[in-house]
Amino acid sequence: MEKTLNRIHPVSDPEATYFLQVSWEKDLGTGFGLLLSDCQRAWTGTVSESDISREAADIEMDREKYVEELRKALIAGEESAGRYNFVIS
């Protein structure tokens, strides 16, 4: 299993710092787990392969392109810094 951990500052609360851990087996396209923490609380969730396919179809984006955008937004870290915004709700 591969994992990444990134620090994020959501646009919804720019003074806050969160840590986002993403875990996956083969690649993001087969699904992944998420752990989000503000160092006081933590939230977990999973995204299945069918969830990814459904989301890509909903926004009318090629599935492979959608998976690549997920990779950039969730695990690329410094490579994509400032390119993606996060909103915590």
Protein backbone atom coordinates (compact mmCIF):
# COMPACT_ATOMS: atom_id res chain seq x y z
CA MET A 1 0.00 0.00 0.00
CA GLU A 2 1.25 3.46 -0.86
CA LYS A 3 0.53 6.55 1.19
CA THR A 4 1.15 10.25 0.95
CA LEU A 5 0.74 12.96 3.53
CA ASN A 6 0.24 16.60 2.56
CA ARG A 7 -0.33 19.76 4.55
CA ILE A 8 -3.24 21.79 3.22
CA HIS A 9 -4.62 25.23 4.02
CA PRO A 10 -8.27 25.30 2.90
CA VAL A 11 -9.59 28.44 1.23
CA SER A 12 -12.59 28.15 3.53
CA ASP A 13 -10.26 28.81 6.53
CA PRO A 14 -6.82 29.95 5.31
CA GLU A 15 -5.40 30.27 8.83
CA ALA A 16 -6.10 26.60 9.55
CA THR A 17 -3.72 23.76 8.81
CA TYR A 18 -4.95 20.30 7.95
CA PHE A 19 -3.09 17.14 7.07
CA LEU A 20 -4.42 14.91 4.32
CA GLN A 21 -3.26 11.32 4.04
CA VAL A 22 -4.21 9.37 0.92
CA SER A 23 -3.73 5.57 0.77
CA TRP A 24 -4.07 3.38 -2.31
CA GLU A 25 -3.17 -0.11 -3.49
CA LYS A 26 -2.49 -0.11 -7.25
CA ASP A 27 -3.35 3.40 -8.40
CA LEU A 28 -5.90 6.03 -7.51
CA GLY A 29 -8.20 4.75 -10.23
CA THR A 30 -8.88 1.57 -8.26
CA GLY A 31 -10.03 3.56 -5.24
CA PHE A 32 -8.34 5.09 -2.23
CA GLY A 33 -8.70 5.94 1.42
CA LEU A 34 -8.56 9.39 2.96
CA LEU A 35 -7.65 10.59 6.42
CA LEU A 36 -8.01 14.30 7.18
CA SER A 37 -6.82 15.76 10.48
CA ASP A 38 -6.52 19.17 12.09
CA CYS A 39 -4.32 17.63 14.82
CA GLN A 40 -7.27 17.65 17.23
CA ARG A 41 -9.82 15.65 15.26
CA ALA A 42 -9.61 13.21 12.38
CA TRP A 43 -12.03 12.15 9.67
CA THR A 44 -11.72 9.10 7.42
CA GLY A 45 -13.39 7.99 4.25
CA THR A 46 -13.01 5.79 1.21
CA VAL A 47 -13.53 6.41 -2.48
CA SER A 48 -14.30 3.31 -4.56
CA GLU A 49 -13.49 2.63 -8.19
CA SER A 50 -17.18 2.98 -9.02
CA ASP A 51 -17.29 6.35 -7.18
CA ILE A 52 -14.45 7.58 -9.39
CA SER A 53 -16.16 6.39 -12.58
CA ARG A 54 -19.45 7.99 -11.53
CA GLU A 55 -17.82 11.34 -10.67
CA ALA A 56 -15.91 11.41 -13.98
CA ALA A 57 -19.14 10.69 -15.87
CA ASP A 58 -21.06 13.32 -13.87
CA ILE A 59 -18.64 16.05 -14.92
CA GLU A 60 -18.29 14.61 -18.42
CA MET A 61 -14.54 14.10 -18.10
CA ASP A 62 -12.53 11.21 -19.48
CA ARG A 63 -11.98 8.79 -16.58
CA GLU A 64 -8.19 8.65 -17.05
CA LYS A 65 -7.99 12.45 -17.11
CA TYR A 66 -10.12 12.59 -13.95
CA VAL A 67 -7.81 10.14 -12.17
CA GLU A 68 -4.79 12.23 -13.24
CA GLU A 69 -6.43 15.37 -11.82
CA LEU A 70 -7.14 13.50 -8.57
CA ARG A 71 -3.47 12.49 -8.41
CA LYS A 72 -2.35 16.08 -8.91
CA ALA A 73 -4.80 17.47 -6.35
CA LEU A 74 -4.40 14.81 -3.66
CA ILE A 75 -0.90 13.36 -3.82
CA ALA A 76 1.38 15.51 -6.00
CA GLY A 77 2.25 17.86 -3.11
CA GLU A 78 4.68 20.64 -4.02
CA GLU A 79 4.36 19.82 -7.72
CA SER A 80 0.78 21.16 -7.64
CA ALA A 81 1.07 23.68 -4.80
CA GLY A 82 -1.24 26.65 -5.31
CA ARG A 83 -3.01 25.03 -8.22
CA TYR A 84 -5.84 23.38 -6.28
CA ASN A 85 -8.11 24.83 -3.61
CA PHE A 86 -9.60 22.87 -0.74
CA VAL A 87 -12.80 23.73 1.09
CA ILE A 88 -13.51 22.02 4.40
CA SER A 89 -17.19 21.72 5.31
